[in-house]
Protein backbone atom coordinates (compact mmCIF):
# COMPACT_ATOMS: atom_id res chain seq x y z
CA UNK A 1 0.00 0.00 0.00
CA UNK A 2 1.43 3.35 -1.06
CA UNK A 3 0.61 6.54 0.81
CA UNK A 4 0.62 9.80 -1.11
CA UNK A 5 0.72 13.16 0.64
CA UNK A 6 -0.65 16.26 -1.03
CA UNK A 7 0.34 19.65 0.37
CA UNK A 8 -2.67 21.78 1.27
CA UNK A 9 -2.10 25.44 0.40
CA UNK A 10 -4.27 28.08 2.08
CA UNK A 11 -3.38 31.69 2.75
CA UNK A 12 -4.93 35.09 3.42
CA UNK A 13 -3.80 38.46 2.12
CA UNK A 14 -5.04 42.00 2.81
CA UNK A 15 -5.67 43.96 -0.38
CA UNK A 16 -6.86 47.55 -0.60
CA UNK A 17 -9.95 47.52 -2.80
CA UNK A 18 -12.60 50.21 -3.18
CA UNK A 19 -10.86 52.35 -0.56
CA UNK A 20 -10.76 49.68 2.17
CA UNK A 21 -8.45 46.89 3.25
CA UNK A 22 -10.20 43.61 2.50
CA UNK A 23 -9.25 40.10 3.50
CA UNK A 24 -8.90 37.79 0.50
CA UNK A 25 -8.73 34.07 1.38
CA UNK A 26 -7.06 31.72 -1.12
CA UNK A 27 -7.25 27.91 -1.25
CA UNK A 28 -5.56 25.65 -3.80
CA UNK A 29 -7.76 22.94 -5.31
CA UNK A 30 -7.32 20.11 -7.82
CA UNK A 31 -10.31 19.39 -10.05
CA UNK A 32 -9.91 16.81 -12.83
CA UNK A 33 -6.13 17.22 -13.09
CA UNK A 34 -6.48 21.01 -13.20
CA UNK A 35 -5.13 23.31 -10.50
CA UNK A 36 -7.44 26.14 -9.46
CA UNK A 37 -7.54 28.59 -6.60
CA UNK A 38 -10.77 29.25 -4.76
CA UNK A 39 -10.89 32.84 -3.48
CA UNK A 40 -13.37 34.47 -1.16
CA UNK A 41 -13.80 37.99 0.19
CA UNK A 42 -16.52 39.83 2.11
CA UNK A 43 -18.28 42.90 0.68
CA UNK A 44 -19.50 45.97 2.62
CA UNK A 45 -22.77 44.28 3.58
CA UNK A 46 -21.09 41.16 4.95
CA UNK A 47 -21.92 38.98 1.93
CA UNK A 48 -19.21 36.50 1.00
CA UNK A 49 -18.10 36.73 -2.65
CA UNK A 50 -16.59 33.46 -3.89
CA UNK A 51 -14.88 32.86 -7.21
CA UNK A 52 -12.17 30.70 -8.78
CA UNK A 53 -8.95 31.53 -10.57
CA UNK A 54 -7.25 29.47 -13.30
CA UNK A 55 -3.74 29.81 -14.68
CA UNK A 56 -3.30 30.61 -18.35
CA UNK A 57 0.16 30.53 -19.88
CA UNK A 58 1.72 32.98 -17.45
CA UNK A 59 -0.88 34.56 -15.15
CA UNK A 60 -3.82 33.57 -12.98
CA UNK A 61 -7.20 34.88 -14.15
CA UNK A 62 -10.69 34.92 -12.66
CA UNK A 63 -12.86 32.27 -14.31
CA UNK A 64 -15.61 34.27 -16.05
CA UNK A 65 -18.48 34.84 -13.64
CA UNK A 66 -20.24 37.88 -12.23
CA UNK A 67 -18.01 39.57 -9.62
CA UNK A 68 -18.00 43.20 -8.49
CA UNK A 69 -15.70 45.55 -10.39
CA UNK A 70 -13.54 46.13 -7.30
CA UNK A 71 -12.73 42.39 -7.28
CA UNK A 72 -11.87 42.13 -10.99
CA UNK A 73 -9.68 45.26 -10.71
CA UNK A 74 -7.44 43.33 -8.27
CA UNK A 75 -6.94 40.33 -10.60
CA UNK A 76 -3.31 41.14 -11.45
CA UNK A 77 -2.36 41.67 -7.80
CA UNK A 78 -4.07 38.41 -6.78
CA UNK A 79 -2.18 36.59 -9.55
CA UNK A 80 1.11 37.94 -8.21
CA UNK A 81 0.22 36.88 -4.67
CA UNK A 82 -0.59 33.34 -5.79
CA UNK A 83 2.71 33.06 -7.67
CA UNK A 84 4.59 34.42 -4.64
CA UNK A 85 2.95 31.82 -2.37
CA UNK A 86 3.70 28.95 -4.76
CA UNK A 87 7.38 29.93 -5.10
C-alpha atoms as a PDB file:
ATOM      1  CA  UNK A   1       0.000   0.000   0.000  1.00  0.00           C
ATOM      2  CA  UNK A   2       1.428   3.350  -1.062  1.00  0.00           C
ATOM      3  CA  UNK A   3       0.612   6.545   0.808  1.00  0.00           C
ATOM      4  CA  UNK A   4       0.622   9.801  -1.114  1.00  0.00           C
ATOM      5  CA  UNK A   5       0.719  13.156   0.644  1.00  0.00           C
ATOM      6  CA  UNK A   6      -0.647  16.260  -1.025  1.00  0.00           C
ATOM      7  CA  UNK A   7       0.336  19.649   0.374  1.00  0.00           C
ATOM      8  CA  UNK A   8      -2.674  21.782   1.269  1.00  0.00           C
ATOM      9  CA  UNK A   9      -2.104  25.440   0.405  1.00  0.00           C
ATOM     10  CA  UNK A  10      -4.270  28.076   2.080  1.00  0.00           C
ATOM     11  CA  UNK A  11      -3.385  31.689   2.752  1.00  0.00           C
ATOM     12  CA  UNK A  12      -4.930  35.091   3.421  1.00  0.00           C
ATOM     13  CA  UNK A  13      -3.800  38.465   2.121  1.00  0.00           C
ATOM     14  CA  UNK A  14      -5.038  41.999   2.805  1.00  0.00           C
ATOM     15  CA  UNK A  15      -5.674  43.959  -0.377  1.00  0.00           C
ATOM     16  CA  UNK A  16      -6.861  47.553  -0.598  1.00  0.00           C
ATOM     17  CA  UNK A  17      -9.954  47.520  -2.803  1.00  0.00           C
ATOM     18  CA  UNK A  18     -12.599  50.211  -3.176  1.00  0.00           C
ATOM     19  CA  UNK A  19     -10.856  52.353  -0.564  1.00  0.00           C
ATOM     20  CA  UNK A  20     -10.760  49.675   2.168  1.00  0.00           C
ATOM     21  CA  UNK A  21      -8.451  46.892   3.254  1.00  0.00           C
ATOM     22  CA  UNK A  22     -10.199  43.612   2.503  1.00  0.00           C
ATOM     23  CA  UNK A  23      -9.252  40.097   3.504  1.00  0.00           C
ATOM     24  CA  UNK A  24      -8.899  37.787   0.501  1.00  0.00           C
ATOM     25  CA  UNK A  25      -8.732  34.072   1.383  1.00  0.00           C
ATOM     26  CA  UNK A  26      -7.058  31.724  -1.122  1.00  0.00           C
ATOM     27  CA  UNK A  27      -7.246  27.915  -1.252  1.00  0.00           C
ATOM     28  CA  UNK A  28      -5.558  25.653  -3.797  1.00  0.00           C
ATOM     29  CA  UNK A  29      -7.765  22.936  -5.312  1.00  0.00           C
ATOM     30  CA  UNK A  30      -7.319  20.107  -7.816  1.00  0.00           C
ATOM     31  CA  UNK A  31     -10.314  19.386 -10.052  1.00  0.00           C
ATOM     32  CA  UNK A  32      -9.915  16.812 -12.832  1.00  0.00           C
ATOM     33  CA  UNK A  33      -6.127  17.217 -13.087  1.00  0.00           C
ATOM     34  CA  UNK A  34      -6.484  21.009 -13.204  1.00  0.00           C
ATOM     35  CA  UNK A  35      -5.129  23.306 -10.501  1.00  0.00           C
ATOM     36  CA  UNK A  36      -7.437  26.137  -9.457  1.00  0.00           C
ATOM     37  CA  UNK A  37      -7.539  28.592  -6.599  1.00  0.00           C
ATOM     38  CA  UNK A  38     -10.767  29.245  -4.756  1.00  0.00           C
ATOM     39  CA  UNK A  39     -10.887  32.838  -3.485  1.00  0.00           C
ATOM     40  CA  UNK A  40     -13.375  34.473  -1.165  1.00  0.00           C
ATOM     41  CA  UNK A  41     -13.803  37.990   0.190  1.00  0.00           C
ATOM     42  CA  UNK A  42     -16.522  39.833   2.110  1.00  0.00           C
ATOM     43  CA  UNK A  43     -18.276  42.900   0.684  1.00  0.00           C
ATOM     44  CA  UNK A  44     -19.496  45.966   2.618  1.00  0.00           C
ATOM     45  CA  UNK A  45     -22.770  44.278   3.577  1.00  0.00           C
ATOM     46  CA  UNK A  46     -21.094  41.158   4.951  1.00  0.00           C
ATOM     47  CA  UNK A  47     -21.925  38.978   1.925  1.00  0.00           C
ATOM     48  CA  UNK A  48     -19.208  36.505   1.000  1.00  0.00           C
ATOM     49  CA  UNK A  49     -18.100  36.726  -2.647  1.00  0.00           C
ATOM     50  CA  UNK A  50     -16.594  33.464  -3.894  1.00  0.00           C
ATOM     51  CA  UNK A  51     -14.881  32.857  -7.209  1.00  0.00           C
ATOM     52  CA  UNK A  52     -12.169  30.696  -8.782  1.00  0.00           C
ATOM     53  CA  UNK A  53      -8.950  31.534 -10.567  1.00  0.00           C
ATOM     54  CA  UNK A  54      -7.253  29.474 -13.297  1.00  0.00           C
ATOM     55  CA  UNK A  55      -3.738  29.812 -14.677  1.00  0.00           C
ATOM     56  CA  UNK A  56      -3.297  30.609 -18.351  1.00  0.00           C
ATOM     57  CA  UNK A  57       0.164  30.525 -19.878  1.00  0.00           C
ATOM     58  CA  UNK A  58       1.724  32.981 -17.445  1.00  0.00           C
ATOM     59  CA  UNK A  59      -0.884  34.562 -15.150  1.00  0.00           C
ATOM     60  CA  UNK A  60      -3.824  33.568 -12.978  1.00  0.00           C
ATOM     61  CA  UNK A  61      -7.203  34.883 -14.149  1.00  0.00           C
ATOM     62  CA  UNK A  62     -10.694  34.924 -12.656  1.00  0.00           C
ATOM     63  CA  UNK A  63     -12.859  32.269 -14.306  1.00  0.00           C
ATOM     64  CA  UNK A  64     -15.609  34.271 -16.050  1.00  0.00           C
ATOM     65  CA  UNK A  65     -18.475  34.839 -13.639  1.00  0.00           C
ATOM     66  CA  UNK A  66     -20.244  37.884 -12.230  1.00  0.00           C
ATOM     67  CA  UNK A  67     -18.014  39.566  -9.622  1.00  0.00           C
ATOM     68  CA  UNK A  68     -18.005  43.201  -8.493  1.00  0.00           C
ATOM     69  CA  UNK A  69     -15.700  45.554 -10.391  1.00  0.00           C
ATOM     70  CA  UNK A  70     -13.541  46.134  -7.296  1.00  0.00           C
ATOM     71  CA  UNK A  71     -12.726  42.390  -7.284  1.00  0.00           C
ATOM     72  CA  UNK A  72     -11.871  42.132 -10.987  1.00  0.00           C
ATOM     73  CA  UNK A  73      -9.680  45.258 -10.714  1.00  0.00           C
ATOM     74  CA  UNK A  74      -7.437  43.333  -8.275  1.00  0.00           C
ATOM     75  CA  UNK A  75      -6.939  40.330 -10.596  1.00  0.00           C
ATOM     76  CA  UNK A  76      -3.307  41.140 -11.452  1.00  0.00           C
ATOM     77  CA  UNK A  77      -2.361  41.672  -7.803  1.00  0.00           C
ATOM     78  CA  UNK A  78      -4.074  38.413  -6.776  1.00  0.00           C
ATOM     79  CA  UNK A  79      -2.180  36.592  -9.552  1.00  0.00           C
ATOM     80  CA  UNK A  80       1.110  37.945  -8.214  1.00  0.00           C
ATOM     81  CA  UNK A  81       0.220  36.885  -4.668  1.00  0.00           C
ATOM     82  CA  UNK A  82      -0.587  33.335  -5.789  1.00  0.00           C
ATOM     83  CA  UNK A  83       2.708  33.062  -7.670  1.00  0.00           C
ATOM     84  CA  UNK A  84       4.589  34.418  -4.636  1.00  0.00           C
ATOM     85  CA  UNK A  85       2.950  31.822  -2.372  1.00  0.00           C
ATOM     86  CA  UNK A  86       3.699  28.954  -4.763  1.00  0.00           C
ATOM     87  CA  UNK A  87       7.376  29.934  -5.100  1.00  0.00           C
END
